[in-house]
Protein backbone atom coordinates (compact mmCIF):
# COMPACT_ATOMS: atom_id res chain seq x y z
CA MET A 1 9.53 17.69 -21.24
CA CYS A 2 7.26 20.40 -19.91
CA ALA A 3 4.23 20.51 -17.66
CA ALA A 4 1.98 20.35 -20.71
CA ILE A 5 2.43 16.58 -20.64
CA PHE A 6 -0.54 16.44 -18.29
CA SER A 7 -2.68 19.03 -20.05
CA ASN A 8 -5.15 16.48 -21.40
CA SER A 9 -5.52 14.53 -18.18
CA MET A 10 -5.57 17.01 -15.34
CA ASP A 11 -6.42 20.45 -14.17
CA GLN A 12 -3.06 22.22 -14.23
CA ALA A 13 -4.53 25.29 -12.56
CA LEU A 14 -5.65 23.16 -9.61
CA THR A 15 -2.24 21.52 -9.32
CA ARG A 16 -0.38 24.80 -9.32
CA GLN A 17 -2.78 26.18 -6.73
CA LYS A 18 -2.10 23.15 -4.53
CA ILE A 19 1.63 23.73 -4.85
CA ARG A 20 1.21 27.36 -3.77
CA GLU A 21 -0.89 26.31 -0.78
CA LEU A 22 1.63 23.66 0.22
CA ARG A 23 4.64 25.94 0.04
CA ALA A 24 2.77 28.72 1.89
CA LEU A 25 1.96 26.33 4.72
CA VAL A 26 5.57 25.33 5.35
CA GLY A 27 7.75 28.14 6.66
CA ASP A 28 11.45 28.41 5.90
CA GLY A 29 12.41 27.52 9.44
CA ASP A 30 9.85 24.76 9.95
CA ARG A 31 11.03 21.27 10.76
CA VAL A 32 8.91 18.82 8.82
CA ALA A 33 8.44 15.09 9.53
CA ILE A 34 7.16 12.86 6.73
CA VAL A 35 5.44 9.80 8.19
CA LEU A 36 4.73 6.69 6.13
CA GLN A 37 2.55 3.65 6.76
CA ASP A 38 3.96 0.61 8.52
CA ASP A 39 6.37 -1.36 6.33
CA PRO A 40 6.49 1.38 3.66
CA ASP A 41 6.13 0.39 0.02
CA PRO A 42 7.80 1.92 -3.10
CA ASP A 43 4.91 4.30 -3.76
CA ALA A 44 5.19 5.75 -0.25
CA MET A 45 8.99 5.98 -0.21
CA SER A 46 9.25 7.62 -3.63
CA SER A 47 6.45 10.06 -2.82
CA ALA A 48 8.22 11.05 0.40
CA ILE A 49 11.49 12.00 -1.28
CA ALA A 50 9.51 13.77 -4.02
CA LEU A 51 7.70 15.87 -1.40
CA ARG A 52 11.03 16.76 0.16
CA THR A 53 12.33 17.87 -3.26
CA LEU A 54 9.20 19.93 -3.89
CA LEU A 55 9.66 21.73 -0.56
CA GLY A 56 13.35 22.33 -1.25
CA ARG A 57 14.37 20.36 1.84
CA ASN A 58 16.94 17.74 2.76
CA LYS A 59 16.99 14.68 5.00
CA LEU A 60 18.11 16.74 8.02
CA THR A 61 15.30 19.31 7.90
CA THR A 62 12.69 16.89 6.61
CA PRO A 63 13.38 13.31 7.73
CA ILE A 64 11.19 10.34 6.82
CA PHE A 65 9.66 8.13 9.52
CA ALA A 66 7.69 4.89 9.87
CA PHE A 67 6.48 3.11 13.01
CA LYS A 68 7.39 -0.27 11.52
CA PRO A 69 10.41 -0.79 9.25
CA VAL A 70 10.58 -1.89 5.63
CA THR A 71 10.66 -5.69 5.41
CA ARG A 72 10.04 -6.73 1.79
CA PRO A 73 13.34 -7.60 0.08
CA GLU A 74 12.78 -5.55 -3.08
CA ASN A 75 11.75 -2.55 -1.00
CA ARG A 76 14.83 -2.87 1.20
CA THR A 77 16.92 -3.14 -1.95
CA MET A 78 15.28 0.03 -3.24
CA MET A 79 16.11 1.82 0.03
CA HIS A 80 19.74 0.74 -0.18
CA LEU A 81 20.35 1.47 -3.86
CA LEU A 82 18.55 4.82 -3.83
CA GLU A 83 19.85 5.81 -0.38
CA ILE A 84 16.44 6.38 1.16
CA GLU A 85 16.69 6.70 4.94
CA ILE A 86 13.63 5.92 7.08
CA ALA A 87 13.90 6.44 10.83
CA GLU A 88 11.81 4.69 13.46
CA ALA A 89 8.86 6.85 14.44
CA GLU A 90 8.00 7.64 18.06
CA THR A 91 4.86 9.54 18.99
CA GLN A 92 6.50 11.83 21.54
CA ALA A 93 9.45 12.67 19.28
CA LEU A 94 7.18 13.53 16.34
CA GLY A 95 5.33 16.04 18.50
CA VAL A 96 8.27 18.45 18.42
CA TYR A 97 8.13 18.89 14.63
CA ASP A 98 6.50 22.06 13.28
CA LYS A 99 4.69 20.17 10.53
CA ILE A 100 3.75 16.51 10.10
CA ALA A 101 3.19 15.31 6.54
CA MET A 102 2.06 11.94 5.27
CA VAL A 103 2.04 10.53 1.76
CA ASP A 104 0.28 7.41 0.47
CA VAL A 105 -1.51 7.09 3.80
CA GLU A 106 -4.16 8.99 5.73
CA PRO A 107 -4.39 10.15 9.39
CA PRO A 108 -6.97 7.58 10.63
CA TYR A 109 -4.49 4.81 9.83
CA PHE A 110 -2.29 5.90 12.74
CA GLY A 111 -4.97 6.21 15.41
CA ASP A 112 -3.49 7.79 18.53
CA LYS A 113 0.11 7.39 17.37
CA LEU A 114 0.24 10.81 15.71
CA PRO A 115 -0.56 14.07 17.53
CA ARG A 116 -1.87 15.70 14.34
CA ALA A 117 -1.60 15.83 10.56
CA ASP A 118 -0.69 18.99 8.67
CA ILE A 119 -0.16 17.65 5.13
CA VAL A 120 -1.92 14.69 3.52
CA ILE A 121 -1.25 13.56 -0.06
CA ASP A 122 -2.76 10.22 -1.05
CA HIS A 123 -4.75 8.29 -3.65
CA HIS A 124 -6.66 5.81 -1.48
CA PRO A 125 -10.46 6.04 -1.24
CA GLY A 126 -12.48 6.61 1.92
CA TYR A 127 -10.79 9.75 3.24
CA VAL A 128 -12.96 12.20 5.17
CA ALA A 129 -11.83 15.73 4.33
CA GLY A 130 -11.09 18.39 6.91
CA ILE A 131 -8.53 16.57 9.08
CA ALA A 132 -5.43 18.43 7.91
CA PRO A 133 -4.77 22.04 6.79
CA PHE A 134 -3.43 20.75 3.47
CA GLU A 135 -5.12 17.80 1.77
CA ASP A 136 -4.81 16.44 -1.75
CA VAL A 137 -6.43 13.02 -2.06
CA ARG A 138 -6.93 11.91 -5.67
CA VAL A 139 -8.70 8.56 -5.69
CA GLY A 140 -8.70 8.46 -9.48
CA TYR A 141 -4.93 7.99 -9.56
CA GLY A 142 -3.21 4.61 -9.54
CA ALA A 143 -0.34 5.79 -7.33
CA THR A 144 0.59 8.66 -5.05
CA ALA A 145 3.87 8.80 -6.98
CA THR A 146 1.84 9.95 -9.98
CA ILE A 147 0.49 12.88 -7.98
CA MET A 148 3.99 13.79 -6.87
CA THR A 149 5.33 13.52 -10.43
CA GLU A 150 2.65 15.93 -11.57
CA TYR A 151 3.57 18.31 -8.76
CA LEU A 152 7.24 18.28 -9.73
CA ILE A 153 6.55 18.84 -13.42
CA SER A 154 4.00 21.57 -12.75
CA ALA A 155 6.48 23.32 -10.45
CA ALA A 156 9.25 22.96 -13.06
CA GLU A 157 11.40 21.14 -10.50
CA HIS A 158 14.43 19.19 -11.65
CA ILE A 159 13.81 15.45 -11.37
CA SER A 160 17.12 13.73 -10.72
CA GLU A 161 17.94 10.24 -11.93
CA ARG A 162 17.59 8.93 -8.39
CA LEU A 163 14.18 10.53 -7.89
CA ALA A 164 12.93 9.48 -11.34
CA THR A 165 13.96 5.88 -10.65
CA ALA A 166 12.14 5.89 -7.32
CA LEU A 167 8.94 7.45 -8.71
CA LEU A 168 8.93 5.17 -11.74
CA TYR A 169 9.26 2.11 -9.54
CA GLY A 170 6.57 3.48 -7.20
CA ILE A 171 4.08 3.87 -10.04
CA ARG A 172 4.95 0.52 -11.55
CA SER A 173 4.68 -1.24 -8.19
CA ASP A 174 1.28 0.20 -7.24
CA THR A 175 -0.23 -0.37 -10.69
CA LEU A 176 1.38 -3.80 -11.23
CA ALA A 177 3.38 -2.59 -14.22
CA LEU A 178 0.52 -0.41 -15.49
CA SER A 179 -1.88 -3.36 -15.61
CA ARG A 180 -4.27 -2.64 -12.75
CA ARG A 181 -6.16 0.45 -11.62
CA VAL A 182 -4.08 2.51 -14.03
CA THR A 183 -5.28 5.81 -15.48
CA GLU A 184 -4.17 7.99 -18.35
CA VAL A 185 -2.27 10.27 -16.01
CA ASP A 186 -0.35 7.32 -14.51
CA ILE A 187 0.75 6.34 -18.00
CA GLU A 188 1.78 9.92 -18.80
CA ALA A 189 3.78 10.21 -15.58
CA PHE A 190 5.45 6.88 -16.30
CA THR A 191 6.28 8.02 -19.83
CA HIS A 192 7.83 11.23 -18.52
CA LEU A 193 9.96 9.45 -15.91
CA TYR A 194 11.11 6.51 -18.01
CA PRO A 195 13.92 8.23 -19.94
CA LEU A 196 15.16 9.88 -16.72
CA ALA A 197 15.47 6.68 -14.68
CA ASN A 198 18.39 4.31 -14.15
CA TYR A 199 17.39 0.98 -15.73
CA ASN A 200 20.28 -0.92 -14.16
CA LEU A 201 19.06 0.04 -10.68
CA LEU A 202 15.49 -0.91 -11.59
CA ARG A 203 16.64 -4.38 -12.63
CA GLN A 204 18.50 -4.82 -9.35
CA ILE A 205 15.45 -3.76 -7.34
CA ASP A 206 13.21 -6.11 -9.32
CA ARG A 207 15.11 -9.29 -8.50
CA PRO A 208 15.10 -9.92 -4.73
CA GLU A 209 16.17 -13.43 -3.83
CA LEU A 210 13.62 -15.87 -2.40
CA PRO A 211 14.69 -17.90 0.64
CA LEU A 212 15.22 -21.58 -0.17
CA SER A 213 12.89 -22.50 2.68
CA PHE A 214 10.00 -20.95 0.75
CA ALA A 215 10.26 -23.72 -1.86
CA ARG A 216 8.99 -26.21 0.73
CA ILE A 217 6.18 -23.89 1.80
CA LEU A 218 5.21 -23.37 -1.83
CA SER A 219 5.22 -27.10 -2.55
CA ARG A 220 2.92 -27.89 0.39
CA ALA A 221 0.56 -25.02 -0.41
CA MET A 222 0.20 -25.83 -4.11
CA GLY A 223 -0.61 -29.43 -3.19
CA ARG A 224 -3.64 -28.15 -1.27
CA MET A 225 -4.76 -25.58 -3.84
CA ASN A 226 -8.45 -26.03 -4.55
CA LEU A 227 -10.62 -23.77 -6.71
CA ARG A 228 -14.22 -23.45 -5.52
CA ASP A 229 -16.71 -20.85 -6.72
CA GLY A 230 -13.81 -19.03 -8.39
CA ILE A 231 -12.03 -18.62 -5.04
CA VAL A 232 -8.59 -19.84 -3.94
CA VAL A 233 -7.77 -19.69 -0.24
CA LEU A 234 -4.44 -20.88 1.17
CA HIS A 235 -2.69 -20.54 4.53
CA LEU A 236 1.09 -20.84 4.26
CA GLY A 237 1.81 -21.22 7.96
CA VAL A 238 4.87 -19.43 9.35
CA VAL A 239 6.69 -17.28 6.76
CA GLU A 240 9.90 -15.28 6.98
CA ARG A 241 8.73 -12.26 4.99
CA ASP A 242 5.56 -10.42 4.12
CA ASP A 243 6.32 -10.38 0.40
CA LEU A 244 6.12 -14.18 0.18
CA ILE A 245 2.42 -13.97 0.96
CA VAL A 246 1.87 -11.22 -1.59
CA GLN A 247 3.84 -12.97 -4.32
CA MET A 248 1.86 -16.15 -3.73
CA ALA A 249 -1.40 -14.22 -4.08
CA ASP A 250 -0.30 -12.64 -7.36
CA PHE A 251 0.86 -16.04 -8.64
CA CYS A 252 -2.39 -17.88 -7.83
CA LEU A 253 -4.51 -15.20 -9.49
CA GLN A 254 -3.04 -16.22 -12.85
CA PHE A 255 -4.70 -19.65 -12.94
CA GLU A 256 -7.69 -20.30 -15.19
CA GLY A 257 -11.05 -19.75 -13.55
CA VAL A 258 -9.69 -17.92 -10.50
CA LYS A 259 -11.70 -14.83 -9.60
CA LEU A 260 -10.38 -14.08 -6.12
CA VAL A 261 -7.35 -15.20 -4.11
CA ALA A 262 -6.82 -14.96 -0.35
CA ILE A 263 -3.39 -16.04 0.91
CA ALA A 264 -2.54 -16.00 4.62
CA GLY A 265 0.63 -16.52 6.60
CA LYS A 266 1.91 -16.10 10.13
CA LEU A 267 4.52 -13.37 10.32
CA GLY A 268 5.82 -12.84 13.84
CA ARG A 269 2.83 -12.20 16.08
CA ASP A 270 0.48 -11.38 13.22
CA LEU A 271 -1.67 -13.21 10.72
CA VAL A 272 -1.17 -11.45 7.37
CA ILE A 273 -3.73 -11.94 4.61
CA ALA A 274 -3.22 -10.75 1.02
CA VAL A 275 -6.25 -10.61 -1.28
CA ARG A 276 -6.28 -10.25 -5.06
CA ASN A 277 -8.93 -10.27 -7.75
CA HIS A 278 -9.14 -9.13 -11.36
CA GLY A 279 -10.98 -5.89 -10.55
CA VAL A 280 -14.12 -6.88 -12.45
CA GLY A 281 -17.62 -7.67 -11.25
CA HIS A 282 -18.98 -6.70 -7.86
CA SER A 283 -16.16 -7.98 -5.65
CA HIS A 284 -14.17 -5.22 -3.94
CA SER A 285 -11.16 -6.69 -2.12
CA GLY A 286 -10.67 -3.67 0.11
CA GLU A 287 -14.27 -3.61 1.29
CA ILE A 288 -14.28 -7.36 1.83
CA VAL A 289 -11.26 -7.40 4.14
CA LYS A 290 -12.56 -4.37 6.03
CA ARG A 291 -15.90 -6.09 6.60
CA LEU A 292 -14.27 -9.33 7.69
CA PHE A 293 -11.31 -8.15 9.76
CA ASN A 294 -11.44 -4.44 10.62
CA GLU A 295 -12.73 -5.13 14.12
CA ILE A 296 -9.78 -7.33 15.04
CA GLY A 297 -6.94 -5.87 12.96
CA SER A 298 -5.86 -3.43 10.27
CA ALA A 299 -7.57 -4.07 6.93
CA GLY A 300 -8.21 -2.24 3.67
CA GLY A 301 -7.11 -1.69 0.10
CA HIS A 302 -8.39 -1.28 -3.44
CA ARG A 303 -10.95 -3.13 -5.55
CA ASN A 304 -8.41 -5.60 -6.90
CA MET A 305 -5.84 -5.77 -4.11
CA ALA A 306 -6.10 -5.61 -0.33
CA LYS A 307 -4.41 -6.68 2.86
CA ALA A 308 -5.28 -7.47 6.45
CA VAL A 309 -2.87 -7.67 9.38
CA ILE A 310 -4.41 -9.30 12.43
CA PRO A 311 -2.69 -9.95 15.76
CA LEU A 312 -2.75 -13.68 16.35
CA SER A 313 -4.07 -13.00 19.86
CA ALA A 314 -7.08 -11.18 18.37
CA TRP A 315 -7.67 -13.98 15.86
CA ARG A 316 -7.55 -16.56 18.67
CA GLN A 317 -9.98 -14.55 20.78
CA ARG A 318 -12.53 -14.38 17.95
CA GLU A 319 -12.00 -17.72 16.27
CA GLY A 320 -10.92 -19.89 19.21
CA THR A 321 -7.67 -21.20 17.75
CA THR A 322 -4.58 -20.25 15.75
CA ARG A 323 -3.79 -23.78 14.63
CA ASP A 324 -2.65 -23.81 11.01
CA ASN A 325 -5.04 -26.58 9.99
CA ALA A 326 -7.98 -24.53 11.28
CA ILE A 327 -7.08 -21.15 9.76
CA GLU A 328 -7.33 -22.15 6.10
CA PRO A 329 -10.85 -23.67 6.19
CA ARG A 330 -12.04 -20.80 8.36
CA LEU A 331 -10.77 -18.22 5.89
CA ARG A 332 -12.47 -20.13 3.06
CA GLU A 333 -15.78 -19.94 4.94
CA LEU A 334 -15.42 -16.21 5.49
CA PHE A 335 -14.39 -15.30 1.95
CA THR A 336 -16.93 -17.61 0.34
CA ALA A 337 -19.70 -16.07 2.42
CA ALA A 338 -18.52 -12.56 1.50
CA ILE A 339 -18.23 -13.25 -2.22
CA LEU A 340 -21.50 -15.12 -2.53
CA GLY A 341 -23.38 -12.36 -0.78
CA GLU A 342 -24.21 -14.00 2.54
CA GLU A 343 -24.19 -10.65 4.33
CA ASP A 344 -26.96 -9.36 6.55
CA ARG A 345 -28.55 -5.96 6.00
CA THR A 346 -25.85 -4.12 7.96
CA GLY A 347 -23.11 -5.49 5.73
CA SER A 348 -21.66 -7.81 8.37
CA ILE A 349 -21.26 -11.51 7.71
CA ASP A 350 -24.35 -13.40 8.94
CA GLN A 351 -23.66 -14.80 12.38
CA ARG A 352 -24.72 -18.26 11.24
CA SER A 353 -21.85 -18.35 8.77
CA THR A 354 -19.19 -16.86 11.05
CA LYS A 355 -19.18 -19.52 13.74
CA ASN A 356 -16.42 -22.07 13.70
CA GLY A 357 -17.43 -25.22 11.91
CA ALA A 358 -20.35 -23.56 10.11
């Protein structure tokens, strides 16, 4: 299948120009580090190995890094089956690389951890241009893997079975099987990759086992589930894995009358909050979590899916306690206030509604 597959959805001239700029920036002898967000997801991992293919590199000349390792079971399974190696990132060590690239994430995410950014390819909104010499941020795309698939096709690069499987899973994961925030170009990329992928590997990646202990957590949480104003808020307490919180959020969104779901859990020293909605109306999950939690943790995402990771110490300092029986009602107060529009003129939650016990 040729590059014309995208002719109705994108500017092929622009894409080819971007490829020329990218390849001109990276010299033959340059050592390139590809840095991913903490706990990299399938979109990030697949985009990283696609970028390496586009540059004609290997894992020795262009290794992949992350400051925090992959934890979700299906993502770890993907790494193992597709032989994707991700090394632990260290600020000082990254400084010796000639070029630093990042895919599916943008420089501000790393703060002072990265000395610079040379290449940025992403699809998330909110990026301020001019940070890196090469930038291609396409907020209209459902996945960075779609951008990378377009690059590979436009450059007439061979897409191996391994790479096709990774990219296909990356697109499917970020668009929830082409059901959310999906565009025509995502569908076209998916269609191109589908016959090239290994379906047996995809099935193995799709079926990570749940720990038996989660059954008890699920039972207790569902017994407390209460729908008010179209909102479901649950705190699961201590969880073993990040994906349990996310899967619970996706599950609760399926119930009748639910407009927004916020599921929290304690993972190590952090409070992790996954937010989901149907992507309709005025609610924007990413903006909501930023407004509520950006000052005390890392928060952001899309209109219909978002996440916040807050150090428990920061939560305790602001809210006064990290007791499980206090977290859930407090989160309900915050999300209800945000959804019902109880913000002041600056966009912050009104102080009267942010005090404990309000």
